[in-house]
Amino acid sequence: MKCERLDGTCACRKKSCNGSRSRVRAWGARAGEVTPERLALLRECDEIVVSEIKEAGLYNKIWQSFAVLLPVMSVGVMGDMRTYAYTCAVRAVTSEDA
């Protein structure tokens, strides 16, 4: 696989590159900066996801679950005020193959 950035230039300038470095860089550009504040928020989101799964009695039925902090902010309403906060997505996977 050819190592390319989104603009078509080589990200690592190595002939033996398998392309993984450029994909990570392209993802990083889309995901935004990783900061201590965002990591703390993601940990809080993940804790809420796990606790809700346990409370629903699905912890042993779900194979994989995690929260994703998206690099976009959305508008919501709390009481009479608008809020502007990061969006969290959740992915949970089950399987019948086990």
N, C-alpha and C. Protein backbone atom coordinates (compact mmCIF):
# COMPACT_ATOMS: atom_id res chain seq x y z
N MET A 1 0.84 -1.17 0.00
CA MET A 1 0.00 0.00 0.00
C MET A 1 0.89 1.24 0.00
N LYS A 2 0.55 2.19 -0.80
CA LYS A 2 1.32 3.41 -0.95
C LYS A 2 1.05 4.35 0.24
N CYS A 3 2.11 4.94 0.78
CA CYS A 3 1.99 5.86 1.90
C CYS A 3 1.61 7.24 1.37
N GLU A 4 0.41 7.69 1.66
CA GLU A 4 -0.02 8.99 1.17
C GLU A 4 -0.80 9.74 2.24
N ARG A 5 -0.66 11.03 2.25
CA ARG A 5 -1.51 11.88 3.06
C ARG A 5 -2.76 12.18 2.26
N LEU A 6 -3.64 12.95 2.85
CA LEU A 6 -4.86 13.31 2.13
C LEU A 6 -4.55 14.11 0.87
N ASP A 7 -3.44 14.87 0.89
CA ASP A 7 -3.09 15.68 -0.28
C ASP A 7 -2.24 14.91 -1.29
N GLY A 8 -1.95 13.63 -1.04
CA GLY A 8 -1.23 12.79 -1.98
C GLY A 8 0.28 12.76 -1.79
N THR A 9 0.83 13.45 -0.80
CA THR A 9 2.27 13.43 -0.56
C THR A 9 2.61 12.37 0.47
N CYS A 10 3.82 11.85 0.41
CA CYS A 10 4.26 10.83 1.35
C CYS A 10 4.40 11.45 2.74
N ALA A 11 3.86 10.78 3.75
CA ALA A 11 3.89 11.30 5.11
C ALA A 11 5.21 11.00 5.81
N CYS A 12 5.84 9.89 5.49
CA CYS A 12 7.04 9.51 6.24
C CYS A 12 8.31 9.52 5.39
N ARG A 13 8.18 9.65 4.09
CA ARG A 13 9.32 9.73 3.17
C ARG A 13 10.20 8.47 3.17
N LYS A 14 9.64 7.32 3.53
CA LYS A 14 10.39 6.07 3.51
C LYS A 14 9.85 5.19 2.39
N LYS A 15 10.76 4.54 1.66
CA LYS A 15 10.35 3.66 0.58
C LYS A 15 9.71 2.38 1.10
N SER A 16 10.06 1.97 2.34
CA SER A 16 9.53 0.71 2.87
C SER A 16 8.26 0.91 3.69
N CYS A 17 7.68 2.09 3.66
CA CYS A 17 6.50 2.38 4.47
C CYS A 17 5.29 1.58 3.98
N ASN A 18 4.49 1.07 4.92
CA ASN A 18 3.28 0.34 4.54
C ASN A 18 2.04 1.22 4.55
N GLY A 19 2.20 2.49 4.84
CA GLY A 19 1.07 3.41 4.80
C GLY A 19 0.44 3.70 6.15
N SER A 20 0.81 2.96 7.19
CA SER A 20 0.13 3.12 8.47
C SER A 20 0.41 4.48 9.11
N ARG A 21 1.61 5.02 8.93
CA ARG A 21 1.91 6.32 9.53
C ARG A 21 1.02 7.42 8.98
N SER A 22 0.78 7.41 7.69
CA SER A 22 -0.03 8.46 7.09
C SER A 22 -1.49 8.34 7.53
N ARG A 23 -1.96 7.10 7.71
CA ARG A 23 -3.35 6.94 8.16
C ARG A 23 -3.51 7.48 9.57
N VAL A 24 -2.52 7.23 10.43
CA VAL A 24 -2.59 7.74 11.80
C VAL A 24 -2.57 9.26 11.78
N ARG A 25 -1.70 9.84 10.97
CA ARG A 25 -1.65 11.30 10.89
C ARG A 25 -2.94 11.87 10.34
N ALA A 26 -3.51 11.24 9.33
CA ALA A 26 -4.76 11.73 8.77
C ALA A 26 -5.87 11.63 9.81
N TRP A 27 -5.91 10.53 10.58
CA TRP A 27 -6.90 10.40 11.63
C TRP A 27 -6.70 11.47 12.68
N GLY A 28 -5.45 11.71 13.07
CA GLY A 28 -5.16 12.71 14.08
C GLY A 28 -5.60 14.10 13.64
N ALA A 29 -5.47 14.38 12.37
CA ALA A 29 -5.89 15.68 11.87
C ALA A 29 -7.41 15.83 11.97
N ARG A 30 -8.13 14.74 11.81
CA ARG A 30 -9.58 14.79 11.89
C ARG A 30 -10.07 14.75 13.34
N ALA A 31 -9.36 14.04 14.19
CA ALA A 31 -9.81 13.84 15.57
C ALA A 31 -9.56 15.06 16.44
N GLY A 32 -8.66 15.90 16.06
CA GLY A 32 -8.37 17.07 16.87
C GLY A 32 -7.26 16.80 17.86
N GLU A 33 -6.92 17.82 18.59
CA GLU A 33 -5.82 17.74 19.54
C GLU A 33 -6.22 16.93 20.77
N VAL A 34 -5.30 16.10 21.25
CA VAL A 34 -5.52 15.34 22.48
C VAL A 34 -5.01 16.19 23.63
N THR A 35 -5.90 16.54 24.52
CA THR A 35 -5.54 17.37 25.67
C THR A 35 -5.94 16.66 26.96
N PRO A 36 -5.36 17.04 28.08
CA PRO A 36 -5.76 16.44 29.36
C PRO A 36 -7.26 16.63 29.65
N GLU A 37 -7.80 17.77 29.25
CA GLU A 37 -9.22 18.03 29.47
C GLU A 37 -10.10 17.08 28.66
N ARG A 38 -9.74 16.87 27.39
CA ARG A 38 -10.51 15.95 26.54
C ARG A 38 -10.38 14.51 27.03
N LEU A 39 -9.19 14.13 27.49
CA LEU A 39 -9.01 12.77 28.02
C LEU A 39 -9.86 12.57 29.26
N ALA A 40 -9.91 13.56 30.14
CA ALA A 40 -10.74 13.46 31.35
C ALA A 40 -12.21 13.34 30.97
N LEU A 41 -12.65 14.11 29.99
CA LEU A 41 -14.03 14.04 29.53
C LEU A 41 -14.34 12.67 28.93
N LEU A 42 -13.42 12.14 28.14
CA LEU A 42 -13.63 10.81 27.53
C LEU A 42 -13.69 9.73 28.60
N ARG A 43 -12.83 9.82 29.61
CA ARG A 43 -12.88 8.84 30.71
C ARG A 43 -14.22 8.90 31.44
N GLU A 44 -14.73 10.10 31.64
CA GLU A 44 -16.03 10.27 32.29
C GLU A 44 -17.14 9.66 31.42
N CYS A 45 -17.08 9.91 30.12
CA CYS A 45 -18.06 9.33 29.19
C CYS A 45 -18.02 7.81 29.23
N ASP A 46 -16.82 7.25 29.20
CA ASP A 46 -16.67 5.80 29.21
C ASP A 46 -17.20 5.20 30.51
N GLU A 47 -16.95 5.88 31.61
CA GLU A 47 -17.46 5.41 32.90
C GLU A 47 -19.00 5.38 32.90
N ILE A 48 -19.62 6.40 32.32
CA ILE A 48 -21.07 6.43 32.22
C ILE A 48 -21.59 5.29 31.35
N VAL A 49 -20.93 5.05 30.21
CA VAL A 49 -21.34 3.96 29.31
C VAL A 49 -21.28 2.62 30.03
N VAL A 50 -20.17 2.33 30.69
CA VAL A 50 -20.01 1.05 31.39
C VAL A 50 -21.04 0.91 32.51
N SER A 51 -21.26 1.97 33.27
CA SER A 51 -22.22 1.87 34.37
C SER A 51 -23.65 1.67 33.86
N GLU A 52 -24.01 2.31 32.75
CA GLU A 52 -25.34 2.12 32.17
C GLU A 52 -25.51 0.70 31.63
N ILE A 53 -24.47 0.15 31.04
CA ILE A 53 -24.52 -1.23 30.53
C ILE A 53 -24.69 -2.20 31.69
N LYS A 54 -23.96 -1.98 32.77
CA LYS A 54 -24.09 -2.84 33.95
C LYS A 54 -25.48 -2.72 34.56
N GLU A 55 -25.97 -1.49 34.68
CA GLU A 55 -27.29 -1.26 35.26
C GLU A 55 -28.40 -1.92 34.45
N ALA A 56 -28.21 -2.00 33.14
CA ALA A 56 -29.20 -2.62 32.26
C ALA A 56 -29.07 -4.15 32.24
N GLY A 57 -28.06 -4.69 32.93
CA GLY A 57 -27.86 -6.13 32.96
C GLY A 57 -27.26 -6.70 31.69
N LEU A 58 -26.58 -5.87 30.92
CA LEU A 58 -26.02 -6.30 29.63
C LEU A 58 -24.51 -6.48 29.64
N TYR A 59 -23.87 -6.30 30.79
CA TYR A 59 -22.41 -6.31 30.85
C TYR A 59 -21.81 -7.62 30.35
N ASN A 60 -22.40 -8.75 30.66
CA ASN A 60 -21.86 -10.04 30.24
C ASN A 60 -22.35 -10.46 28.86
N LYS A 61 -23.27 -9.72 28.26
CA LYS A 61 -23.78 -10.03 26.93
C LYS A 61 -23.09 -9.23 25.83
N ILE A 62 -22.51 -8.11 26.19
CA ILE A 62 -21.85 -7.25 25.21
C ILE A 62 -20.37 -7.62 25.14
N TRP A 63 -19.88 -7.86 23.95
CA TRP A 63 -18.49 -8.25 23.77
C TRP A 63 -17.55 -7.05 23.88
N GLN A 64 -17.98 -5.95 23.32
CA GLN A 64 -17.11 -4.77 23.30
C GLN A 64 -17.99 -3.53 23.33
N SER A 65 -17.59 -2.56 24.14
CA SER A 65 -18.29 -1.28 24.15
C SER A 65 -17.30 -0.18 24.49
N PHE A 66 -17.52 0.98 23.92
CA PHE A 66 -16.66 2.11 24.24
C PHE A 66 -17.33 3.41 23.83
N ALA A 67 -16.86 4.47 24.44
CA ALA A 67 -17.33 5.81 24.11
C ALA A 67 -16.30 6.47 23.20
N VAL A 68 -16.77 7.30 22.29
CA VAL A 68 -15.90 8.03 21.38
C VAL A 68 -16.23 9.51 21.51
N LEU A 69 -15.22 10.30 21.82
CA LEU A 69 -15.41 11.74 21.90
C LEU A 69 -15.15 12.32 20.52
N LEU A 70 -16.20 12.79 19.88
CA LEU A 70 -16.07 13.31 18.52
C LEU A 70 -15.48 14.71 18.52
N PRO A 71 -14.77 15.07 17.46
CA PRO A 71 -14.13 16.39 17.40
C PRO A 71 -15.08 17.49 16.94
N VAL A 72 -16.36 17.34 17.22
CA VAL A 72 -17.35 18.36 16.88
C VAL A 72 -18.13 18.70 18.14
N MET A 73 -18.64 19.90 18.16
CA MET A 73 -19.47 20.32 19.29
C MET A 73 -20.90 20.49 18.79
N SER A 74 -21.86 20.26 19.68
CA SER A 74 -23.26 20.39 19.30
C SER A 74 -23.98 21.28 20.31
N VAL A 75 -25.12 21.80 19.88
CA VAL A 75 -25.92 22.68 20.72
C VAL A 75 -27.03 21.86 21.35
N GLY A 76 -27.25 22.05 22.64
CA GLY A 76 -28.32 21.40 23.35
C GLY A 76 -29.03 22.41 24.24
N VAL A 77 -30.06 21.96 24.92
CA VAL A 77 -30.80 22.83 25.82
C VAL A 77 -30.87 22.17 27.19
N MET A 78 -30.50 22.92 28.23
CA MET A 78 -30.63 22.48 29.62
C MET A 78 -31.43 23.56 30.34
N GLY A 79 -32.63 23.20 30.73
CA GLY A 79 -33.49 24.20 31.35
C GLY A 79 -33.86 25.26 30.32
N ASP A 80 -33.57 26.50 30.65
CA ASP A 80 -33.85 27.61 29.74
C ASP A 80 -32.61 28.09 28.99
N MET A 81 -31.50 27.39 29.15
CA MET A 81 -30.22 27.82 28.57
C MET A 81 -29.77 26.87 27.47
N ARG A 82 -29.09 27.43 26.49
CA ARG A 82 -28.45 26.61 25.46
C ARG A 82 -27.08 26.19 25.97
N THR A 83 -26.69 24.98 25.61
CA THR A 83 -25.35 24.50 25.94
C THR A 83 -24.62 24.17 24.64
N TYR A 84 -23.32 24.30 24.67
CA TYR A 84 -22.47 24.01 23.53
C TYR A 84 -21.38 23.10 24.04
N ALA A 85 -21.44 21.81 23.67
CA ALA A 85 -20.52 20.84 24.25
C ALA A 85 -20.11 19.80 23.21
N TYR A 86 -19.06 19.04 23.54
CA TYR A 86 -18.60 17.97 22.66
C TYR A 86 -19.64 16.87 22.55
N THR A 87 -19.60 16.16 21.45
CA THR A 87 -20.52 15.06 21.19
C THR A 87 -19.82 13.75 21.50
N CYS A 88 -20.52 12.87 22.19
CA CYS A 88 -19.99 11.55 22.53
C CYS A 88 -20.83 10.51 21.79
N ALA A 89 -20.16 9.61 21.09
CA ALA A 89 -20.85 8.49 20.44
C ALA A 89 -20.52 7.21 21.21
N VAL A 90 -21.42 6.25 21.13
CA VAL A 90 -21.23 4.98 21.84
C VAL A 90 -21.31 3.84 20.84
N ARG A 91 -20.41 2.87 20.99
CA ARG A 91 -20.47 1.66 20.17
C ARG A 91 -20.49 0.47 21.11
N ALA A 92 -21.44 -0.41 20.90
CA ALA A 92 -21.54 -1.64 21.67
C ALA A 92 -21.77 -2.79 20.71
N VAL A 93 -21.06 -3.89 20.88
CA VAL A 93 -21.09 -5.01 19.95
C VAL A 93 -21.43 -6.30 20.69
N THR A 94 -22.37 -7.04 20.13
CA THR A 94 -22.68 -8.39 20.63
C THR A 94 -22.44 -9.38 19.49
N SER A 95 -22.44 -10.65 19.83
CA SER A 95 -22.26 -11.67 18.79
C SER A 95 -22.98 -12.95 19.19
N GLU A 96 -23.39 -13.68 18.20
CA GLU A 96 -24.03 -14.99 18.41
C GLU A 96 -23.04 -16.12 18.19
N ASP A 97 -21.79 -15.81 17.84
CA ASP A 97 -20.80 -16.81 17.47
C ASP A 97 -20.16 -17.54 18.64
N ALA A 98 -20.27 -17.01 19.83
CA ALA A 98 -19.53 -17.58 20.97
C ALA A 98 -20.03 -18.93 21.39
